[in-house]
Amino acid sequence: MRGAGGGANLLALRSHNTALVLDLLRTAGTEGISRLELADRTGLTPQAVSKITARLREEGLAAEAGRRASTGGKPRTVLRLVPEAGHAVGVHLDRDELRAVLADLDGTVVARRHAALDLGAGAEAVLGRVAAVVGELGAEAAEAAGAAGAARTAEAAGAARTAGAAGAAGAAGAAGGRSLLGVGVALPGPLDHRRGVLHRVTGFPEWDGFPLRDALSERLGGVPVVVDKDTNAVALGLAVGGEGGSFAYLHLGTGLGAGLVVGGSVHRGPRTGAGEFGHQVVQLDGPPCGCGDRGCVEALCLAAVARGETGEAARVLGTGAANLVGLLDIDRVLVGGRTVEGAPGVFLGGVRGVLEARARRTGEECVGVGLVSGESRVAEGAAQLVLAPVFGQDG
């Protein structure tokens, strides 16, 4: 894995105007987009667009995608994003397993890792396991970026022939590969997203106050690290992927939490504590929960699952979802996580049934209910913690 320099330089490009241009380049796909179209859609001057795209080409993030006929004058050169020019690693730390993905600038997953993990084994053991996996994926990123640089050598050489020796040096630099933009880590909350510091993870009080972001970045030689809750990571991935409106993602795995998207942005709250959905009390004399309270939705759900009463677990989850709908007036409820995927029909039907009953009582239209599937959803969302802000999207 290469050092942090390449990633830091890429992240330094993340100005508002550059993000606008990068997002349009990504949206245009392989067909590309002209500088004139970029200026028109961003509201920037043609001169500003030319400066930004020149810098992106120097960094290897953009390349020519051919020429397009114009209404007058010479054909317009169109540009495209080079997805393989940069990568992000997304890591999902669950209580008993680690999943990681390597994603390119398009968000396409190009490599995966899965390993057993004991979150209670201590910071040193967990950091060592994460660093080893990131190192493996970082090496693949460097290899992919190097191959992309080699593929652009012909274009760089052509530029060099017309620019002389100085152009040759610049073209050679542009053709070179780079590795990671950064690493996104998603795990159960509560935690402080801004500082990357964990709070009292349910069942693992020894993590309280641990500076995971800074400790992991130091272990990785300065590679930028972003830390967030697993539910927020999935919610961000869904929003970036096109899920519109305001919605809640309810994640039931080894624990229970929610990711909230309100007005198109992930809602974390002023203390980044929003979404602790599993610890709403719905039974005052209920069973004790790992958080120290009693009768929490999480405790009731997991107890029902342990008894094999999946339908009851789904009903409890639906009760919590109905409370959330009544509180936030969201458009849609999405459910996922390994426990849900073990019986998706039961959970979808149970949650939908409770929400439909609520709608009949209130006279309101029932909100939509959907399933979010995929073992690596959290890890993929964690990669978006790094990628989405590069394109001006909610990070």
Protein backbone atom coordinates (compact mmCIF):
# COMPACT_ATOMS: atom_id res chain seq x y z
CA MET A 1 0.00 0.00 0.00
CA ARG A 2 1.29 3.42 -0.85
CA GLY A 3 1.51 6.23 1.67
CA ALA A 4 -1.11 8.82 2.38
CA GLY A 5 0.21 11.40 -0.08
CA GLY A 6 -1.90 10.36 -3.07
CA GLY A 7 -5.08 10.10 -1.03
CA ALA A 8 -4.48 13.40 0.71
CA ASN A 9 -3.91 15.14 -2.63
CA LEU A 10 -7.15 13.72 -3.99
CA LEU A 11 -9.08 14.82 -0.94
CA ALA A 12 -7.57 18.29 -1.26
CA LEU A 13 -9.36 18.60 -4.61
CA ARG A 14 -12.67 18.47 -2.82
CA SER A 15 -13.65 22.10 -3.25
CA HIS A 16 -17.29 22.82 -3.94
CA ASN A 17 -16.76 23.66 -7.61
CA THR A 18 -14.50 20.68 -8.21
CA ALA A 19 -17.04 18.41 -6.56
CA LEU A 20 -19.75 19.73 -8.91
CA VAL A 21 -17.60 18.94 -11.93
CA LEU A 22 -16.59 15.51 -10.65
CA ASP A 23 -20.21 14.57 -9.97
CA LEU A 24 -21.24 15.53 -13.51
CA LEU A 25 -18.31 13.59 -14.96
CA ARG A 26 -19.38 10.55 -12.98
CA THR A 27 -23.03 10.92 -13.96
CA ALA A 28 -22.09 11.23 -17.64
CA GLY A 29 -20.51 7.77 -17.60
CA THR A 30 -18.38 6.50 -20.45
CA GLU A 31 -20.08 8.82 -22.97
CA GLY A 32 -18.50 11.80 -21.28
CA ILE A 33 -19.47 15.46 -21.15
CA SER A 34 -18.02 18.56 -22.79
CA ARG A 35 -16.54 21.54 -20.98
CA LEU A 36 -19.31 23.73 -22.38
CA GLU A 37 -21.95 21.41 -20.91
CA LEU A 38 -20.10 21.40 -17.60
CA ALA A 39 -20.13 25.19 -17.53
CA ASP A 40 -23.82 25.31 -18.40
CA ARG A 41 -24.88 22.79 -15.74
CA THR A 42 -22.68 24.09 -12.94
CA GLY A 43 -23.14 27.79 -13.61
CA LEU A 44 -19.34 28.20 -13.62
CA THR A 45 -17.51 30.23 -16.25
CA PRO A 46 -15.87 28.32 -19.12
CA GLN A 47 -12.50 29.55 -17.83
CA ALA A 48 -13.16 28.11 -14.36
CA VAL A 49 -14.27 24.79 -15.84
CA SER A 50 -11.15 24.64 -18.01
CA LYS A 51 -8.91 25.16 -14.97
CA ILE A 52 -10.73 22.52 -12.94
CA THR A 53 -10.75 19.93 -15.72
CA ALA A 54 -7.09 20.58 -16.50
CA ARG A 55 -6.23 19.88 -12.88
CA LEU A 56 -8.39 16.75 -12.85
CA ARG A 57 -6.61 15.48 -15.95
CA GLU A 58 -3.23 16.18 -14.39
CA GLU A 59 -4.32 14.17 -11.36
CA GLY A 60 -5.51 11.34 -13.58
CA LEU A 61 -9.12 11.69 -12.45
CA ALA A 62 -10.45 12.71 -15.85
CA ALA A 63 -9.59 11.70 -19.40
CA GLU A 64 -10.76 12.38 -22.94
CA ALA A 65 -13.75 10.33 -24.05
CA GLY A 66 -13.66 11.34 -27.72
CA ARG A 67 -15.15 14.21 -29.65
CA ARG A 68 -18.71 15.28 -30.29
CA ALA A 69 -20.06 17.26 -33.23
CA SER A 70 -20.92 20.87 -32.43
CA THR A 71 -23.32 23.32 -34.03
CA GLY A 72 -20.42 25.34 -35.33
CA GLY A 73 -16.65 25.31 -35.29
CA LYS A 74 -14.49 22.34 -34.44
CA PRO A 75 -15.91 19.28 -32.65
CA ARG A 76 -16.03 19.47 -28.87
CA THR A 77 -13.78 17.28 -26.77
CA VAL A 78 -15.73 15.35 -24.16
CA LEU A 79 -14.28 14.23 -20.85
CA ARG A 80 -15.08 11.31 -18.57
CA LEU A 81 -14.27 10.27 -15.03
CA VAL A 82 -11.53 7.65 -14.62
CA PRO A 83 -13.09 5.41 -11.93
CA GLU A 84 -9.98 3.32 -11.38
CA ALA A 85 -7.84 6.40 -10.65
CA GLY A 86 -8.80 6.31 -6.97
CA HIS A 87 -10.33 3.92 -4.47
CA ALA A 88 -11.82 3.81 -1.00
CA VAL A 89 -11.88 0.94 1.45
CA GLY A 90 -15.09 0.42 3.40
CA VAL A 91 -14.89 -1.61 6.60
CA HIS A 92 -17.82 -3.01 8.59
CA LEU A 93 -16.91 -3.93 12.16
CA ASP A 94 -19.65 -6.02 13.69
CA ARG A 95 -19.54 -7.64 17.09
CA ASP A 96 -18.40 -10.96 15.62
CA GLU A 97 -17.19 -10.34 12.07
CA LEU A 98 -15.35 -7.96 9.76
CA ARG A 99 -16.40 -7.28 6.19
CA ALA A 100 -14.45 -4.98 3.90
CA VAL A 101 -14.74 -3.82 0.30
CA LEU A 102 -12.53 -1.93 -2.14
CA ALA A 103 -14.60 0.49 -4.24
CA ASP A 104 -13.51 2.66 -7.16
CA LEU A 105 -14.61 6.26 -7.74
CA ASP A 106 -17.89 5.06 -9.24
CA GLY A 107 -18.61 3.13 -6.07
CA THR A 108 -18.19 -0.17 -7.92
CA VAL A 109 -16.86 -2.88 -5.61
CA VAL A 110 -13.73 -4.44 -7.12
CA ALA A 111 -12.60 -6.59 -4.15
CA ARG A 112 -14.04 -8.00 -0.92
CA ARG A 113 -12.79 -9.49 2.34
CA HIS A 114 -14.60 -11.32 5.16
CA ALA A 115 -13.17 -12.56 8.44
CA ALA A 116 -14.26 -13.52 11.94
CA LEU A 117 -13.78 -10.81 14.56
CA ASP A 118 -14.20 -10.47 18.31
CA LEU A 119 -14.98 -6.83 19.03
CA GLY A 120 -14.29 -7.55 22.68
CA ALA A 121 -10.72 -8.75 22.01
CA GLY A 122 -9.35 -5.26 22.65
CA ALA A 123 -8.32 -2.29 20.56
CA GLU A 124 -4.87 -3.62 19.65
CA ALA A 125 -6.20 -6.89 18.25
CA VAL A 126 -9.05 -5.24 16.35
CA LEU A 127 -6.84 -2.50 14.89
CA GLY A 128 -4.30 -5.10 13.81
CA ARG A 129 -6.95 -7.12 12.00
CA VAL A 130 -8.39 -4.03 10.28
CA ALA A 131 -4.93 -2.75 9.26
CA ALA A 132 -4.05 -6.13 7.73
CA VAL A 133 -7.23 -6.21 5.64
CA VAL A 134 -6.84 -2.58 4.56
CA GLY A 135 -3.24 -3.32 3.60
CA GLU A 136 -4.35 -6.17 1.33
CA LEU A 137 -7.04 -4.08 -0.33
CA GLY A 138 -4.73 -1.06 -0.55
CA ALA A 139 -2.23 -3.14 -2.50
CA GLU A 140 -5.00 -4.09 -4.94
CA ALA A 141 -5.97 -0.43 -5.26
CA ALA A 142 -2.41 0.54 -6.09
CA GLU A 143 -2.21 -2.24 -8.67
CA ALA A 144 -5.49 -1.18 -10.29
CA ALA A 145 -4.49 2.49 -10.32
CA GLY A 146 -1.11 1.58 -11.79
CA ALA A 147 -2.80 -0.35 -14.58
CA ALA A 148 -5.07 2.63 -15.24
CA GLY A 149 -2.03 4.89 -15.43
CA ALA A 150 -0.38 2.57 -17.92
CA ALA A 151 -3.51 2.58 -20.04
CA ARG A 152 -3.34 6.38 -20.19
CA THR A 153 0.32 6.42 -21.18
CA ALA A 154 -0.50 6.69 -24.89
CA GLU A 155 -2.55 9.83 -24.29
CA ALA A 156 0.16 11.23 -22.03
CA ALA A 157 2.86 10.47 -24.58
CA GLY A 158 0.88 12.27 -27.26
CA ALA A 159 0.63 15.32 -25.04
CA ALA A 160 4.34 15.12 -24.35
CA ARG A 161 5.27 15.12 -28.03
CA THR A 162 3.50 18.43 -28.50
CA ALA A 163 4.59 19.99 -25.20
CA GLY A 164 8.30 19.12 -25.21
CA ALA A 165 10.36 17.97 -22.24
CA ALA A 166 8.31 19.81 -19.62
CA GLY A 167 5.13 18.34 -21.07
CA ALA A 168 6.69 14.88 -21.00
CA ALA A 169 7.41 15.17 -17.28
CA GLY A 170 3.90 16.35 -16.52
CA ALA A 171 2.36 13.66 -18.70
CA ALA A 172 4.40 10.98 -17.00
CA GLY A 173 3.17 12.18 -13.61
CA ALA A 174 -0.42 12.19 -14.83
CA ALA A 175 -0.07 8.62 -16.06
CA GLY A 176 1.18 7.37 -12.69
CA GLY A 177 -1.16 5.38 -10.44
CA ARG A 178 -2.32 6.27 -6.95
CA SER A 179 -3.88 4.28 -4.15
CA LEU A 180 -6.37 5.10 -1.45
CA LEU A 181 -8.42 8.22 -0.94
CA GLY A 182 -9.22 6.94 2.52
CA VAL A 183 -10.85 4.31 4.68
CA GLY A 184 -14.42 4.41 5.95
CA VAL A 185 -15.21 2.39 9.07
CA ALA A 186 -18.77 1.62 10.14
CA LEU A 187 -19.68 -0.11 13.39
CA PRO A 188 -22.42 -0.17 16.05
CA GLY A 189 -22.99 3.08 17.90
CA PRO A 190 -23.20 5.24 19.81
CA LEU A 191 -20.17 7.23 18.69
CA ASP A 192 -18.97 10.73 17.84
CA HIS A 193 -18.84 10.88 14.05
CA ARG A 194 -17.04 14.23 13.92
CA ARG A 195 -14.13 13.20 16.12
CA GLY A 196 -14.17 9.49 15.26
CA VAL A 197 -14.43 8.58 18.94
CA LEU A 198 -16.49 5.64 20.17
CA HIS A 199 -18.93 5.83 23.05
CA ARG A 200 -20.27 2.91 25.08
CA VAL A 201 -21.00 0.35 22.35
CA THR A 202 -23.76 -1.87 23.72
CA GLY A 203 -22.13 -4.92 25.29
CA PHE A 204 -18.60 -3.54 24.88
CA PRO A 205 -18.08 -0.76 27.44
CA GLU A 206 -14.29 -1.02 27.10
CA TRP A 207 -14.50 0.90 23.81
CA ASP A 208 -16.00 3.98 25.51
CA GLY A 209 -13.88 7.02 24.61
CA PHE A 210 -11.56 5.18 22.22
CA PRO A 211 -10.29 7.48 19.36
CA LEU A 212 -10.77 4.92 16.61
CA ARG A 213 -10.32 7.35 13.70
CA ASP A 214 -6.97 8.72 14.81
CA ALA A 215 -5.65 5.40 16.10
CA LEU A 216 -6.42 3.60 12.84
CA SER A 217 -5.09 6.43 10.67
CA GLU A 218 -1.83 6.33 12.61
CA ARG A 219 -1.66 2.54 12.23
CA LEU A 220 -2.16 2.96 8.47
CA GLY A 221 0.63 5.53 8.10
CA GLY A 222 -1.61 8.59 7.86
CA VAL A 223 -4.26 7.33 5.43
CA PRO A 224 -7.42 9.43 6.03
CA VAL A 225 -10.06 7.57 8.07
CA VAL A 226 -13.77 8.35 8.57
CA VAL A 227 -15.81 6.62 11.29
CA ASP A 228 -19.60 6.41 11.49
CA LYS A 229 -22.39 4.15 12.67
CA ASP A 230 -23.23 1.11 10.56
CA THR A 231 -26.79 2.32 10.05
CA ASN A 232 -25.67 5.77 8.85
CA ALA A 233 -23.30 4.15 6.38
CA VAL A 234 -26.08 2.10 4.81
CA ALA A 235 -28.42 5.10 4.77
CA LEU A 236 -25.78 7.16 2.99
CA GLY A 237 -25.17 4.39 0.47
CA LEU A 238 -28.89 4.19 -0.25
CA ALA A 239 -29.21 7.97 -0.68
CA VAL A 240 -26.20 8.10 -3.02
CA GLY A 241 -27.65 5.15 -4.92
CA GLY A 242 -30.87 7.02 -5.68
CA GLU A 243 -33.21 6.36 -2.74
CA GLY A 244 -35.05 9.66 -2.55
CA GLY A 245 -37.14 11.51 -0.01
CA SER A 246 -36.97 11.03 3.74
CA PHE A 247 -36.60 7.46 4.96
CA ALA A 248 -35.41 5.28 7.81
CA TYR A 249 -33.18 2.25 7.41
CA LEU A 250 -33.67 -0.22 10.29
CA HIS A 251 -30.75 -2.63 10.70
CA LEU A 252 -31.33 -5.79 12.73
CA GLY A 253 -28.26 -7.97 13.08
CA THR A 254 -26.34 -8.56 16.28
CA GLY A 255 -27.99 -5.34 17.46
CA LEU A 256 -30.66 -2.93 16.25
CA GLY A 257 -30.24 0.64 15.02
CA ALA A 258 -31.56 3.12 12.48
CA GLY A 259 -30.08 5.33 9.81
CA LEU A 260 -32.18 8.41 9.08
CA VAL A 261 -32.22 10.41 5.85
CA VAL A 262 -34.20 13.62 6.10
CA GLY A 263 -34.43 15.97 3.14
CA GLY A 264 -31.84 13.97 1.21
CA SER A 265 -29.14 14.15 3.91
CA VAL A 266 -28.13 11.71 6.61
CA HIS A 267 -29.43 13.06 9.93
CA ARG A 268 -26.87 12.50 12.67
CA GLY A 269 -27.95 15.18 15.14
CA PRO A 270 -25.81 17.91 16.74
CA ARG A 271 -24.03 15.33 18.91
CA THR A 272 -24.11 12.65 16.14
CA GLY A 273 -26.35 10.58 18.41
CA ALA A 274 -29.43 10.26 16.18
CA GLY A 275 -30.57 6.80 15.14
CA GLU A 276 -30.21 4.94 18.47
CA PHE A 277 -33.50 3.34 17.49
CA GLY A 278 -32.93 0.04 19.29
CA HIS A 279 -32.90 1.65 22.70
CA GLN A 280 -36.37 3.16 22.72
CA VAL A 281 -38.25 1.63 25.65
CA VAL A 282 -41.56 0.03 24.66
CA GLN A 283 -42.11 -2.16 27.75
CA LEU A 284 -41.39 -0.53 31.12
CA ASP A 285 -41.09 -3.82 32.99
CA GLY A 286 -39.43 -5.61 30.09
CA PRO A 287 -36.23 -7.65 30.06
CA PRO A 288 -32.91 -5.92 30.76
CA CYS A 289 -31.00 -4.58 27.77
CA GLY A 290 -27.24 -4.41 27.31
CA CYS A 291 -27.53 -0.61 27.37
CA GLY A 292 -28.57 -0.76 31.03
CA ASP A 293 -32.26 0.00 30.50
CA ARG A 294 -35.21 -2.39 30.36
CA GLY A 295 -37.75 -3.22 27.66
CA CYS A 296 -35.82 -1.75 24.74
CA VAL A 297 -36.91 -2.65 21.20
CA GLU A 298 -33.50 -4.25 20.62
CA ALA A 299 -33.73 -6.47 23.69
CA LEU A 300 -37.27 -7.58 22.85
CA CYS A 301 -36.42 -8.23 19.19
CA LEU A 302 -33.29 -10.24 19.89
CA ALA A 303 -34.97 -12.22 22.68
CA ALA A 304 -37.81 -13.18 20.34
CA VAL A 305 -35.33 -14.22 17.65
CA ALA A 306 -33.41 -16.32 20.19
CA ARG A 307 -36.67 -18.11 21.10
CA GLY A 308 -37.36 -18.79 17.43
CA GLU A 309 -40.38 -16.45 17.47
CA THR A 310 -39.50 -14.52 14.32
CA GLY A 311 -43.04 -13.26 13.83
CA GLU A 312 -43.00 -11.69 17.29
CA ALA A 313 -39.61 -10.09 16.56
CA ALA A 314 -41.08 -8.62 13.37
CA ARG A 315 -44.07 -7.26 15.27
CA VAL A 316 -41.82 -5.58 17.83
CA LEU A 317 -39.69 -4.12 15.03
CA GLY A 318 -42.87 -2.83 13.39
CA THR A 319 -43.96 -1.20 16.66
CA GLY A 320 -40.68 0.69 16.83
CA ALA A 321 -41.02 1.63 13.16
CA ALA A 322 -44.53 2.96 13.75
CA ASN A 323 -43.23 5.17 16.56
CA LEU A 324 -40.58 6.50 14.20
CA VAL A 325 -43.10 7.21 11.43
CA GLY A 326 -45.33 9.07 13.87
CA LEU A 327 -42.42 11.12 15.15
CA LEU A 328 -40.70 12.04 11.87
CA ASP A 329 -43.41 11.64 9.19
CA ILE A 330 -40.94 9.89 6.87
CA ASP A 331 -41.84 8.56 3.41
CA ARG A 332 -40.45 5.05 3.64
CA VAL A 333 -39.16 2.40 6.05
CA LEU A 334 -36.42 0.05 4.83
CA VAL A 335 -35.29 -2.99 6.80
CA GLY A 336 -32.12 -5.05 6.52
CA GLY A 337 -29.33 -6.78 8.41
CA ARG A 338 -28.36 -10.42 8.75
CA THR A 339 -31.26 -11.30 11.08
CA VAL A 340 -33.80 -9.78 8.71
CA GLU A 341 -32.23 -11.57 5.75
CA GLY A 342 -32.69 -14.86 7.58
CA ALA A 343 -36.48 -14.44 7.22
CA PRO A 344 -37.12 -11.46 4.94
CA GLY A 345 -40.75 -12.27 4.17
CA VAL A 346 -41.64 -12.57 7.85
CA PHE A 347 -39.99 -9.29 8.78
CA LEU A 348 -41.38 -7.35 5.82
CA GLY A 349 -44.86 -8.70 6.46
CA GLY A 350 -44.67 -8.03 10.21
CA VAL A 351 -43.43 -4.46 9.89
CA ARG A 352 -45.88 -3.70 7.09
CA GLY A 353 -48.77 -5.13 9.12
CA VAL A 354 -48.08 -2.87 12.10
CA LEU A 355 -47.68 0.19 9.88
CA GLU A 356 -50.91 -0.58 8.00
CA ALA A 357 -52.77 -0.93 11.29
CA ARG A 358 -51.41 2.44 12.38
CA ALA A 359 -52.50 4.03 9.07
CA ARG A 360 -56.04 2.69 9.54
CA ARG A 361 -56.22 4.20 13.02
CA THR A 362 -54.88 7.60 11.97
CA GLY A 363 -56.52 7.79 8.56
CA GLU A 364 -53.12 8.52 7.00
CA GLU A 365 -51.65 6.87 3.95
CA CYS A 366 -49.39 3.94 4.91
CA VAL A 367 -45.72 4.55 4.25
CA GLY A 368 -43.81 2.21 1.97
CA VAL A 369 -41.82 -0.70 3.37
CA GLY A 370 -38.86 -2.26 1.58
CA LEU A 371 -36.03 -4.74 2.03
CA VAL A 372 -32.33 -3.85 1.83
CA SER A 373 -30.35 -7.00 1.10
CA GLY A 374 -26.69 -7.83 0.63
CA GLU A 375 -24.07 -9.06 3.08
CA SER A 376 -21.69 -6.18 2.30
CA ARG A 377 -24.20 -3.31 2.43
CA VAL A 378 -22.62 -1.76 5.52
CA ALA A 379 -19.08 -2.04 4.12
CA GLU A 380 -20.20 -0.53 0.81
CA GLY A 381 -21.83 2.33 2.68
CA ALA A 382 -18.64 2.78 4.68
CA ALA A 383 -16.74 3.27 1.42
CA GLN A 384 -19.24 6.01 0.55
CA LEU A 385 -18.27 7.82 3.75
CA VAL A 386 -15.07 8.59 1.84
CA LEU A 387 -16.37 8.79 -1.73
CA ALA A 388 -19.61 10.74 -1.38
CA PRO A 389 -18.03 14.01 -0.12
CA VAL A 390 -15.60 13.97 -3.07
CA PHE A 391 -18.64 14.39 -5.32
CA GLY A 392 -20.34 16.96 -3.10
CA GLN A 393 -22.78 14.49 -1.58
CA ASP A 394 -23.67 14.10 2.07
CA GLY A 395 -20.80 12.57 4.02
